[in-house]
PDB file of N, CA and C in Angstrom:
ATOM      1  N   MET A   1     -70.497  29.063 -78.016  1.00  0.00           N
ATOM      2  CA  MET A   1     -69.750  30.455 -77.889  1.00  0.00           C
ATOM      3  C   MET A   1     -69.522  31.112 -79.194  1.00  0.00           C
ATOM      4  N   SER A   2     -69.638  32.202 -79.277  1.00  0.00           N
ATOM      5  CA  SER A   2     -69.237  32.720 -80.235  1.00  0.00           C
ATOM      6  C   SER A   2     -68.933  33.978 -80.290  1.00  0.00           C
ATOM      7  N   VAL A   3     -67.823  33.959 -80.415  1.00  0.00           N
ATOM      8  CA  VAL A   3     -66.868  35.526 -79.760  1.00  0.00           C
ATOM      9  C   VAL A   3     -65.844  35.997 -81.269  1.00  0.00           C
ATOM     10  N   ASP A   4     -66.690  36.579 -81.966  1.00  0.00           N
ATOM     11  CA  ASP A   4     -65.974  36.881 -82.979  1.00  0.00           C
ATOM     12  C   ASP A   4     -64.622  37.859 -83.065  1.00  0.00           C
ATOM     13  N   ILE A   5     -63.434  37.385 -83.252  1.00  0.00           N
ATOM     14  CA  ILE A   5     -62.188  38.075 -82.822  1.00  0.00           C
ATOM     15  C   ILE A   5     -61.777  38.988 -84.149  1.00  0.00           C
ATOM     16  N   GLU A   6     -62.562  38.646 -85.223  1.00  0.00           N
ATOM     17  CA  GLU A   6     -62.362  39.578 -86.271  1.00  0.00           C
ATOM     18  C   GLU A   6     -62.847  41.049 -86.623  1.00  0.00           C
ATOM     19  N   LYS A   7     -63.906  41.120 -85.360  1.00  0.00           N
ATOM     20  CA  LYS A   7     -64.415  42.305 -85.426  1.00  0.00           C
ATOM     21  C   LYS A   7     -63.623  43.455 -84.942  1.00  0.00           C
ATOM     22  N   ASN A   8     -63.148  42.688 -83.933  1.00  0.00           N
ATOM     23  CA  ASN A   8     -62.119  43.828 -82.994  1.00  0.00           C
ATOM     24  C   ASN A   8     -60.848  43.779 -83.569  1.00  0.00           C
ATOM     25  N   ALA A   9     -60.374  43.055 -84.285  1.00  0.00           N
ATOM     26  CA  ALA A   9     -58.637  42.805 -84.289  1.00  0.00           C
ATOM     27  C   ALA A   9     -58.895  44.368 -85.535  1.00  0.00           C
ATOM     28  N   GLY A  10     -57.634  45.305 -84.922  1.00  0.00           N
ATOM     29  CA  GLY A  10     -57.075  46.134 -85.552  1.00  0.00           C
ATOM     30  C   GLY A  10     -57.857  47.515 -85.055  1.00  0.00           C
ATOM     31  N   ALA A  11     -58.720  47.325 -84.090  1.00  0.00           N
ATOM     32  CA  ALA A  11     -59.361  48.199 -83.907  1.00  0.00           C
ATOM     33  C   ALA A  11     -58.722  48.829 -82.432  1.00  0.00           C
ATOM     34  N   ARG A  12     -57.993  48.910 -81.910  1.00  0.00           N
ATOM     35  CA  ARG A  12     -57.112  49.292 -80.667  1.00  0.00           C
ATOM     36  C   ARG A  12     -56.219  49.755 -81.340  1.00  0.00           C
ATOM     37  N   VAL A  13     -56.210  50.959 -80.265  1.00  0.00           N
ATOM     38  CA  VAL A  13     -54.909  51.547 -80.281  1.00  0.00           C
ATOM     39  C   VAL A  13     -54.035  51.160 -79.080  1.00  0.00           C
ATOM     40  N   LYS A  14     -52.642  51.608 -79.615  1.00  0.00           N
ATOM     41  CA  LYS A  14     -51.729  51.056 -78.457  1.00  0.00           C
ATOM     42  C   LYS A  14     -51.034  52.354 -77.684  1.00  0.00           C
ATOM     43  N   SER A  15     -51.381  52.241 -76.585  1.00  0.00           N
ATOM     44  CA  SER A  15     -50.923  53.395 -76.138  1.00  0.00           C
ATOM     45  C   SER A  15     -49.393  53.303 -75.861  1.00  0.00           C
ATOM     46  N   PRO A  16     -48.485  54.839 -76.058  1.00  0.00           N
ATOM     47  CA  PRO A  16     -47.068  55.488 -76.424  1.00  0.00           C
ATOM     48  C   PRO A  16     -46.547  54.385 -74.961  1.00  0.00           C
ATOM     49  N   HIS A  17     -47.245  54.387 -73.905  1.00  0.00           N
ATOM     50  CA  HIS A  17     -46.329  53.939 -72.560  1.00  0.00           C
ATOM     51  C   HIS A  17     -46.718  52.607 -72.503  1.00  0.00           C
ATOM     52  N   HIS A  18     -47.454  52.103 -73.612  1.00  0.00           N
ATOM     53  CA  HIS A  18     -47.630  50.638 -73.348  1.00  0.00           C
ATOM     54  C   HIS A  18     -46.656  49.686 -72.118  1.00  0.00           C
ATOM     55  N   LYS A  19     -45.067  49.902 -72.645  1.00  0.00           N
ATOM     56  CA  LYS A  19     -44.283  48.707 -72.052  1.00  0.00           C
ATOM     57  C   LYS A  19     -44.305  49.195 -70.570  1.00  0.00           C
ATOM     58  N   ALA A  20     -44.188  50.991 -70.621  1.00  0.00           N
ATOM     59  CA  ALA A  20     -43.765  51.420 -69.111  1.00  0.00           C
ATOM     60  C   ALA A  20     -44.953  50.921 -67.910  1.00  0.00           C
ATOM     61  N   GLU A  21     -46.359  50.956 -68.674  1.00  0.00           N
ATOM     62  CA  GLU A  21     -47.686  50.381 -67.977  1.00  0.00           C
ATOM     63  C   GLU A  21     -47.546  49.046 -67.733  1.00  0.00           C
ATOM     64  N   ARG A  22     -47.116  47.846 -68.236  1.00  0.00           N
ATOM     65  CA  ARG A  22     -46.659  46.777 -68.221  1.00  0.00           C
ATOM     66  C   ARG A  22     -45.809  46.468 -66.868  1.00  0.00           C
ATOM     67  N   GLY A  23     -44.333  47.019 -66.642  1.00  0.00           N
ATOM     68  CA  GLY A  23     -43.801  47.325 -66.160  1.00  0.00           C
ATOM     69  C   GLY A  23     -43.042  45.518 -66.038  1.00  0.00           C
ATOM     70  N   SER A  24     -42.724  45.062 -64.735  1.00  0.00           N
ATOM     71  CA  SER A  24     -41.923  43.528 -64.826  1.00  0.00           C
ATOM     72  C   SER A  24     -43.004  42.371 -64.932  1.00  0.00           C
ATOM     73  N   ARG A  25     -44.617  42.655 -65.089  1.00  0.00           N
ATOM     74  CA  ARG A  25     -45.302  41.812 -65.080  1.00  0.00           C
ATOM     75  C   ARG A  25     -45.076  40.751 -66.004  1.00  0.00           C
ATOM     76  N   GLY A  26     -44.378  40.899 -67.403  1.00  0.00           N
ATOM     77  CA  GLY A  26     -44.640  40.166 -68.047  1.00  0.00           C
ATOM     78  C   GLY A  26     -45.383  39.857 -68.860  1.00  0.00           C
ATOM     79  N   PRO A  27     -45.636  39.316 -70.153  1.00  0.00           N
ATOM     80  CA  PRO A  27     -46.374  39.322 -71.218  1.00  0.00           C
ATOM     81  C   PRO A  27     -47.368  38.365 -70.869  1.00  0.00           C
ATOM     82  N   HIS A  28     -47.750  37.486 -69.614  1.00  0.00           N
ATOM     83  CA  HIS A  28     -48.949  36.508 -69.526  1.00  0.00           C
ATOM     84  C   HIS A  28     -49.979  37.387 -68.154  1.00  0.00           C
ATOM     85  N   ALA A  29     -49.056  38.513 -68.093  1.00  0.00           N
ATOM     86  CA  ALA A  29     -49.956  39.000 -66.658  1.00  0.00           C
ATOM     87  C   ALA A  29     -51.193  39.663 -67.462  1.00  0.00           C
ATOM     88  N   LYS A  30     -52.018  39.870 -66.614  1.00  0.00           N
ATOM     89  CA  LYS A  30     -53.739  40.518 -66.934  1.00  0.00           C
ATOM     90  C   LYS A  30     -52.971  41.844 -66.515  1.00  0.00           C
ATOM     91  N   THR A  31     -53.715  42.227 -67.438  1.00  0.00           N
ATOM     92  CA  THR A  31     -53.782  44.046 -67.522  1.00  0.00           C
ATOM     93  C   THR A  31     -54.800  44.612 -66.614  1.00  0.00           C
ATOM     94  N   SER A  32     -54.355  45.794 -65.866  1.00  0.00           N
ATOM     95  CA  SER A  32     -55.499  46.408 -65.269  1.00  0.00           C
ATOM     96  C   SER A  32     -56.056  47.387 -66.092  1.00  0.00           C
ATOM     97  N   ALA A  33     -55.811  47.715 -67.180  1.00  0.00           N
ATOM     98  CA  ALA A  33     -55.931  48.675 -68.279  1.00  0.00           C
ATOM     99  C   ALA A  33     -57.182  47.231 -69.297  1.00  0.00           C
ATOM    100  N   GLN A  34     -58.772  47.169 -69.304  1.00  0.00           N
ATOM    101  CA  GLN A  34     -59.362  47.116 -69.819  1.00  0.00           C
ATOM    102  C   GLN A  34     -59.186  47.316 -71.352  1.00  0.00           C
ATOM    103  N   GLY A  35     -59.298  46.282 -72.227  1.00  0.00           N
ATOM    104  CA  GLY A  35     -59.145  46.630 -73.398  1.00  0.00           C
ATOM    105  C   GLY A  35     -57.687  46.388 -73.949  1.00  0.00           C
ATOM    106  N   GLU A  36     -56.499  46.141 -73.013  1.00  0.00           N
ATOM    107  CA  GLU A  36     -55.156  46.294 -73.621  1.00  0.00           C
ATOM    108  C   GLU A  36     -54.552  44.749 -73.597  1.00  0.00           C
ATOM    109  N   SER A  37     -53.849  44.764 -74.429  1.00  0.00           N
ATOM    110  CA  SER A  37     -53.092  43.476 -74.767  1.00  0.00           C
ATOM    111  C   SER A  37     -51.453  43.671 -73.939  1.00  0.00           C
ATOM    112  N   PRO A  38     -51.090  42.367 -72.888  1.00  0.00           N
ATOM    113  CA  PRO A  38     -49.536  42.840 -72.940  1.00  0.00           C
ATOM    114  C   PRO A  38     -48.903  42.284 -73.960  1.00  0.00           C
ATOM    115  N   TYR A  39     -49.174  41.710 -75.311  1.00  0.00           N
ATOM    116  CA  TYR A  39     -48.674  41.371 -75.715  1.00  0.00           C
ATOM    117  C   TYR A  39     -48.236  42.063 -76.960  1.00  0.00           C
ATOM    118  N   THR A  40     -47.578  41.863 -77.545  1.00  0.00           N
ATOM    119  CA  THR A  40     -46.621  42.506 -78.985  1.00  0.00           C
ATOM    120  C   THR A  40     -46.799  41.779 -80.484  1.00  0.00           C
ATOM    121  N   ILE A  41     -46.707  42.608 -81.794  1.00  0.00           N
ATOM    122  CA  ILE A  41     -46.790  41.847 -82.666  1.00  0.00           C
ATOM    123  C   ILE A  41     -45.548  40.886 -82.703  1.00  0.00           C
ATOM    124  N   LYS A  42     -44.567  41.015 -82.326  1.00  0.00           N
ATOM    125  CA  LYS A  42     -43.116  40.020 -81.985  1.00  0.00           C
ATOM    126  C   LYS A  42     -43.640  38.888 -81.410  1.00  0.00           C
ATOM    127  N   SER A  43     -44.390  39.484 -80.002  1.00  0.00           N
ATOM    128  CA  SER A  43     -44.611  37.871 -78.900  1.00  0.00           C
ATOM    129  C   SER A  43     -45.886  37.405 -79.221  1.00  0.00           C
ATOM    130  N   ILE A  44     -46.489  37.664 -80.357  1.00  0.00           N
ATOM    131  CA  ILE A  44     -48.153  37.086 -79.692  1.00  0.00           C
ATOM    132  C   ILE A  44     -48.024  35.535 -81.072  1.00  0.00           C
ATOM    133  N   ASP A  45     -47.434  35.325 -81.898  1.00  0.00           N
ATOM    134  CA  ASP A  45     -47.055  33.929 -82.378  1.00  0.00           C
ATOM    135  C   ASP A  45     -46.674  32.969 -81.232  1.00  0.00           C
ATOM    136  N   GLY A  46     -45.550  33.348 -80.120  1.00  0.00           N
ATOM    137  CA  GLY A  46     -45.552  32.247 -79.288  1.00  0.00           C
ATOM    138  C   GLY A  46     -46.304  32.217 -78.254  1.00  0.00           C
ATOM    139  N   ALA A  47     -47.426  33.336 -78.158  1.00  0.00           N
ATOM    140  CA  ALA A  47     -48.774  33.123 -77.135  1.00  0.00           C
ATOM    141  C   ALA A  47     -49.383  32.481 -77.342  1.00  0.00           C
ATOM    142  N   ILE A  48     -49.940  32.615 -79.328  1.00  0.00           N
ATOM    143  CA  ILE A  48     -50.859  31.459 -79.519  1.00  0.00           C
ATOM    144  C   ILE A  48     -50.444  30.000 -79.377  1.00  0.00           C
ATOM    145  N   ALA A  49     -49.407  29.910 -80.194  1.00  0.00           N
ATOM    146  CA  ALA A  49     -48.639  28.423 -79.913  1.00  0.00           C
ATOM    147  C   ALA A  49     -48.790  27.936 -78.452  1.00  0.00           C
ATOM    148  N   HIS A  50     -48.348  28.685 -77.671  1.00  0.00           N
ATOM    149  CA  HIS A  50     -48.558  28.090 -76.201  1.00  0.00           C
ATOM    150  C   HIS A  50     -49.777  27.899 -76.035  1.00  0.00           C
ATOM    151  N   LEU A  51     -50.565  28.633 -76.087  1.00  0.00           N
ATOM    152  CA  LEU A  51     -52.358  28.354 -76.083  1.00  0.00           C
ATOM    153  C   LEU A  51     -52.581  27.056 -76.363  1.00  0.00           C
ATOM    154  N   GLU A  52     -52.308  26.766 -77.943  1.00  0.00           N
ATOM    155  CA  GLU A  52     -52.305  26.162 -78.316  1.00  0.00           C
ATOM    156  C   GLU A  52     -52.188  24.420 -77.736  1.00  0.00           C
ATOM    157  N   VAL A  53     -51.014  24.705 -77.693  1.00  0.00           N
ATOM    158  CA  VAL A  53     -50.535  23.503 -76.337  1.00  0.00           C
ATOM    159  C   VAL A  53     -51.006  23.143 -75.392  1.00  0.00           C
ATOM    160  N   ALA A  54     -51.206  24.052 -74.472  1.00  0.00           N
ATOM    161  CA  ALA A  54     -51.768  24.038 -72.770  1.00  0.00           C
ATOM    162  C   ALA A  54     -53.158  24.025 -72.908  1.00  0.00           C
ATOM    163  N   ILE A  55     -53.885  24.260 -74.093  1.00  0.00           N
ATOM    164  CA  ILE A  55     -55.559  23.900 -73.944  1.00  0.00           C
ATOM    165  C   ILE A  55     -55.385  22.435 -75.008  1.00  0.00           C
ATOM    166  N   THR A  56     -54.473  22.358 -75.201  1.00  0.00           N
ATOM    167  CA  THR A  56     -54.875  20.520 -75.480  1.00  0.00           C
ATOM    168  C   THR A  56     -54.425  19.678 -74.336  1.00  0.00           C
ATOM    169  N   VAL A  57     -53.269  20.346 -73.812  1.00  0.00           N
ATOM    170  CA  VAL A  57     -53.061  19.236 -72.288  1.00  0.00           C
ATOM    171  C   VAL A  57     -54.184  19.430 -71.393  1.00  0.00           C
ATOM    172  N   ASP A  58     -54.416  20.269 -71.346  1.00  0.00           N
ATOM    173  CA  ASP A  58     -55.257  20.610 -70.109  1.00  0.00           C
ATOM    174  C   ASP A  58     -57.145  20.556 -71.022  1.00  0.00           C
ATOM    175  N   ASP A  59     -57.061  19.196 -71.650  1.00  0.00           N
ATOM    176  CA  ASP A  59     -58.230  19.095 -72.497  1.00  0.00           C
ATOM    177  C   ASP A  59     -59.549  18.929 -71.518  1.00  0.00           C
ATOM    178  N   ASP A  60     -59.400  18.497 -70.159  1.00  0.00           N
ATOM    179  CA  ASP A  60     -60.409  18.373 -69.436  1.00  0.00           C
ATOM    180  C   ASP A  60     -60.957  19.420 -68.755  1.00  0.00           C
ATOM    181  N   MET A  61     -60.200  20.712 -68.679  1.00  0.00           N
ATOM    182  CA  MET A  61     -60.103  22.165 -67.991  1.00  0.00           C
ATOM    183  C   MET A  61     -60.243  21.963 -66.640  1.00  0.00           C
ATOM    184  N   ALA A  62     -59.170  21.057 -66.328  1.00  0.00           N
ATOM    185  CA  ALA A  62     -59.394  20.469 -64.964  1.00  0.00           C
ATOM    186  C   ALA A  62     -58.639  21.150 -64.073  1.00  0.00           C
ATOM    187  N   VAL A  63     -57.225  21.783 -64.750  1.00  0.00           N
ATOM    188  CA  VAL A  63     -56.289  22.905 -64.372  1.00  0.00           C
ATOM    189  C   VAL A  63     -56.960  24.491 -63.989  1.00  0.00           C
ATOM    190  N   PHE A  64     -57.490  24.917 -65.056  1.00  0.00           N
ATOM    191  CA  PHE A  64     -57.537  26.162 -64.892  1.00  0.00           C
ATOM    192  C   PHE A  64     -58.884  26.397 -65.463  1.00  0.00           C
ATOM    193  N   GLY A  65     -59.423  25.621 -65.750  1.00  0.00           N
ATOM    194  CA  GLY A  65     -60.957  26.217 -66.445  1.00  0.00           C
ATOM    195  C   GLY A  65     -61.241  26.409 -67.457  1.00  0.00           C
ATOM    196  N   ARG A  66     -61.947  26.533 -68.251  1.00  0.00           N
ATOM    197  CA  ARG A  66     -62.669  26.990 -69.300  1.00  0.00           C
ATOM    198  C   ARG A  66     -62.786  28.336 -69.714  1.00  0.00           C
ATOM    199  N   ARG A  67     -62.919  29.032 -68.400  1.00  0.00           N
ATOM    200  CA  ARG A  67     -62.904  30.497 -68.336  1.00  0.00           C
ATOM    201  C   ARG A  67     -61.591  31.347 -68.693  1.00  0.00           C
ATOM    202  N   TYR A  68     -61.047  30.447 -67.888  1.00  0.00           N
ATOM    203  CA  TYR A  68     -59.403  31.149 -68.022  1.00  0.00           C
ATOM    204  C   TYR A  68     -58.610  31.247 -69.355  1.00  0.00           C
ATOM    205  N   TRP A  69     -58.968  30.238 -70.329  1.00  0.00           N
ATOM    206  CA  TRP A  69     -58.627  29.790 -71.159  1.00  0.00           C
ATOM    207  C   TRP A  69     -59.370  30.606 -72.505  1.00  0.00           C
ATOM    208  N   ILE A  70     -60.470  31.105 -72.046  1.00  0.00           N
ATOM    209  CA  ILE A  70     -61.432  31.806 -73.076  1.00  0.00           C
ATOM    210  C   ILE A  70     -60.604  33.154 -72.922  1.00  0.00           C
ATOM    211  N   ASP A  71     -60.457  33.702 -71.206  1.00  0.00           N
ATOM    212  CA  ASP A  71     -59.922  35.078 -71.140  1.00  0.00           C
ATOM    213  C   ASP A  71     -57.944  35.511 -71.670  1.00  0.00           C
ATOM    214  N   ARG A  72     -57.447  34.038 -71.897  1.00  0.00           N
ATOM    215  CA  ARG A  72     -56.377  34.080 -72.456  1.00  0.00           C
ATOM    216  C   ARG A  72     -56.538  34.463 -73.694  1.00  0.00           C
ATOM    217  N   VAL A  73     -57.616  33.318 -74.351  1.00  0.00           N
ATOM    218  CA  VAL A  73     -57.655  33.770 -76.261  1.00  0.00           C
ATOM    219  C   VAL A  73     -57.764  35.059 -76.136  1.00  0.00           C
ATOM    220  N   GLN A  74     -58.926  35.317 -75.625  1.00  0.00           N
ATOM    221  CA  GLN A  74     -59.235  36.923 -76.247  1.00  0.00           C
ATOM    222  C   GLN A  74     -58.468  38.372 -75.934  1.00  0.00           C
ATOM    223  N   GLN A  75     -57.666  37.985 -74.667  1.00  0.00           N
ATOM    224  CA  GLN A  75     -56.770  39.033 -74.148  1.00  0.00           C
ATOM    225  C   GLN A  75     -55.651  38.996 -75.578  1.00  0.00           C
ATOM    226  N   ILE A  76     -55.395  37.778 -76.194  1.00  0.00           N
ATOM    227  CA  ILE A  76     -54.127  37.925 -76.961  1.00  0.00           C
ATOM    228  C   ILE A  76     -55.107  38.294 -78.484  1.00  0.00           C
ATOM    229  N   ALA A  77     -56.404  38.606 -78.825  1.00  0.00           N
ATOM    230  CA  ALA A  77     -56.955  39.552 -79.920  1.00  0.00           C
ATOM    231  C   ALA A  77     -57.112  40.551 -79.578  1.00  0.00           C
ATOM    232  N   LEU A  78     -56.729  41.046 -78.651  1.00  0.00           N
ATOM    233  CA  LEU A  78     -56.535  42.349 -78.372  1.00  0.00           C
ATOM    234  C   LEU A  78     -55.510  43.257 -78.939  1.00  0.00           C
ATOM    235  N   THR A  79     -54.031  42.651 -79.115  1.00  0.00           N
ATOM    236  CA  THR A  79     -53.193  42.934 -79.523  1.00  0.00           C
ATOM    237  C   THR A  79     -53.229  43.644 -80.872  1.00  0.00           C
ATOM    238  N   PRO A  80     -52.577  44.984 -80.493  1.00  0.00           N
ATOM    239  CA  PRO A  80     -52.561  45.854 -81.891  1.00  0.00           C
ATOM    240  C   PRO A  80     -51.902  44.963 -83.201  1.00  0.00           C
ATOM    241  N   GLY A  81     -52.283  45.156 -84.287  1.00  0.00           N
ATOM    242  CA  GLY A  81     -51.695  44.671 -85.523  1.00  0.00           C
ATOM    243  C   GLY A  81     -51.907  43.344 -86.012  1.00  0.00           C
ATOM    244  N   ILE A  82     -53.083  42.374 -85.195  1.00  0.00           N
ATOM    245  CA  ILE A  82     -53.000  41.228 -85.621  1.00  0.00           C
ATOM    246  C   ILE A  82     -53.445  41.143 -86.688  1.00  0.00           C
ATOM    247  N   LEU A  83     -52.804  39.520 -87.263  1.00  0.00           N
ATOM    248  CA  LEU A  83     -52.858  39.170 -88.914  1.00  0.00           C
ATOM    249  C   LEU A  83     -53.987  38.508 -88.699  1.00  0.00           C
ATOM    250  N   GLN A  84     -54.682  38.298 -89.712  1.00  0.00           N
ATOM    251  CA  GLN A  84     -55.783  37.502 -90.278  1.00  0.00           C
ATOM    252  C   GLN A  84     -55.144  35.786 -89.655  1.00  0.00           C
ATOM    253  N   SER A  85     -54.374  35.476 -90.388  1.00  0.00           N
ATOM    254  CA  SER A  85     -53.793  34.297 -89.730  1.00  0.00           C
ATOM    255  C   SER A  85     -53.635  33.754 -88.129  1.00  0.00           C
ATOM    256  N   GLN A  86     -53.701  35.007 -87.751  1.00  0.00           N
ATOM    257  CA  GLN A  86     -53.773  34.912 -86.116  1.00  0.00           C
ATOM    258  C   GLN A  86     -54.929  35.013 -85.477  1.00  0.00           C
ATOM    259  N   VAL A  87     -55.869  35.666 -86.329  1.00  0.00           N
ATOM    260  CA  VAL A  87     -56.996  35.885 -85.905  1.00  0.00           C
ATOM    261  C   VAL A  87     -57.895  34.303 -86.505  1.00  0.00           C
ATOM    262  N   HIS A  88     -57.248  33.649 -87.216  1.00  0.00           N
ATOM    263  CA  HIS A  88     -58.312  32.398 -87.329  1.00  0.00           C
ATOM    264  C   HIS A  88     -57.477  31.389 -86.771  1.00  0.00           C
ATOM    265  N   ARG A  89     -55.989  31.504 -85.916  1.00  0.00           N
ATOM    266  CA  ARG A  89     -55.948  30.188 -84.985  1.00  0.00           C
ATOM    267  C   ARG A  89     -56.609  30.696 -83.711  1.00  0.00           C
ATOM    268  N   LEU A  90     -56.660  31.934 -83.385  1.00  0.00           N
ATOM    269  CA  LEU A  90     -57.382  32.439 -81.928  1.00  0.00           C
ATOM    270  C   LEU A  90     -59.133  32.035 -82.158  1.00  0.00           C
ATOM    271  N   ASN A  91     -59.862  32.091 -83.209  1.00  0.00           N
ATOM    272  CA  ASN A  91     -60.892  31.711 -83.503  1.00  0.00           C
ATOM    273  C   ASN A  91     -60.978  30.042 -83.871  1.00  0.00           C
ATOM    274  N   HIS A  92     -59.958  29.502 -83.867  1.00  0.00           N
ATOM    275  CA  HIS A  92     -59.942  27.975 -83.623  1.00  0.00           C
ATOM    276  C   HIS A  92     -59.678  27.698 -82.062  1.00  0.00           C
ATOM    277  N   LEU A  93     -59.327  28.282 -81.432  1.00  0.00           N
ATOM    278  CA  LEU A  93     -59.661  28.007 -80.356  1.00  0.00           C
ATOM    279  C   LEU A  93     -60.463  27.968 -79.567  1.00  0.00           C
ATOM    280  N   LEU A  94     -61.092  29.285 -79.694  1.00  0.00           N
ATOM    281  CA  LEU A  94     -62.276  29.550 -78.928  1.00  0.00           C
ATOM    282  C   LEU A  94     -63.246  28.284 -79.259  1.00  0.00           C
ATOM    283  N   GLY A  95     -63.486  28.022 -81.021  1.00  0.00           N
ATOM    284  CA  GLY A  95     -64.239  26.759 -81.310  1.00  0.00           C
ATOM    285  C   GLY A  95     -63.552  25.898 -80.625  1.00  0.00           C
ATOM    286  N   GLN A  96     -62.683  25.369 -80.317  1.00  0.00           N
ATOM    287  CA  GLN A  96     -62.294  23.980 -79.425  1.00  0.00           C
ATOM    288  C   GLN A  96     -62.937  24.304 -78.208  1.00  0.00           C
ATOM    289  N   LEU A  97     -62.971  25.535 -77.217  1.00  0.00           N
ATOM    290  CA  LEU A  97     -63.079  25.627 -75.950  1.00  0.00           C
ATOM    291  C   LEU A  97     -64.525  25.489 -75.772  1.00  0.00           C
ATOM    292  N   ALA A  98     -65.619  26.101 -77.070  1.00  0.00           N
ATOM    293  CA  ALA A  98     -67.251  26.219 -76.848  1.00  0.00           C
ATOM    294  C   ALA A  98     -67.403  24.649 -77.305  1.00  0.00           C
ATOM    295  N   ASP A  99     -66.454  23.872 -77.948  1.00  0.00           N
ATOM    296  CA  ASP A  99     -66.778  22.430 -78.152  1.00  0.00           C
ATOM    297  C   ASP A  99     -66.867  21.427 -76.904  1.00  0.00           C
ATOM    298  N   GLU A 100     -66.315  21.965 -75.831  1.00  0.00           N
ATOM    299  CA  GLU A 100     -65.731  21.387 -75.011  1.00  0.00           C
ATOM    300  C   GLU A 100     -67.346  20.939 -73.978  1.00  0.00           C
ATOM    301  N   ARG A 101     -67.190  19.995 -73.120  1.00  0.00           N
ATOM    302  CA  ARG A 101     -68.277  19.771 -72.140  1.00  0.00           C
ATOM    303  C   ARG A 101     -68.701  21.046 -71.123  1.00  0.00           C
ATOM    304  N   PRO A 102     -69.907  21.586 -71.134  1.00  0.00           N
ATOM    305  CA  PRO A 102     -70.253  22.624 -69.964  1.00  0.00           C
ATOM    306  C   PRO A 102     -69.996  21.914 -68.675  1.00  0.00           C
ATOM    307  N   GLY A 103     -69.928  23.249 -67.801  1.00  0.00           N
ATOM    308  CA  GLY A 103     -69.570  22.913 -66.685  1.00  0.00           C
ATOM    309  C   GLY A 103     -68.516  23.091 -65.753  1.00  0.00           C
ATOM    310  N   THR A 104     -67.409  23.479 -66.982  1.00  0.00           N
ATOM    311  CA  THR A 104     -66.133  23.631 -66.615  1.00  0.00           C
ATOM    312  C   THR A 104     -65.574  25.065 -66.912  1.00  0.00           C
TER     313      THR A 104
END
């Protein structure tokens, strides 16, 4: 699987009503608007750290499955203002997910 987060990083425009649109669903809820991240530049490092641990713990993809984790990584990548170091961490996670055995 080859998903290049770098190409899309920084190409997003944050809605002026971003927080209002999210409501009380929290930072981990999937947004209804495609191409929008529920994360902010302040919350993204915590979200990436959480995925780094969670993906390691769910190493056989038995709990959520590979597609769920890939979607979460890609969702975080949509965060406006993402830094190159964060892009690198997300690409590393995608690489880990791509290296897992097929069928999960």
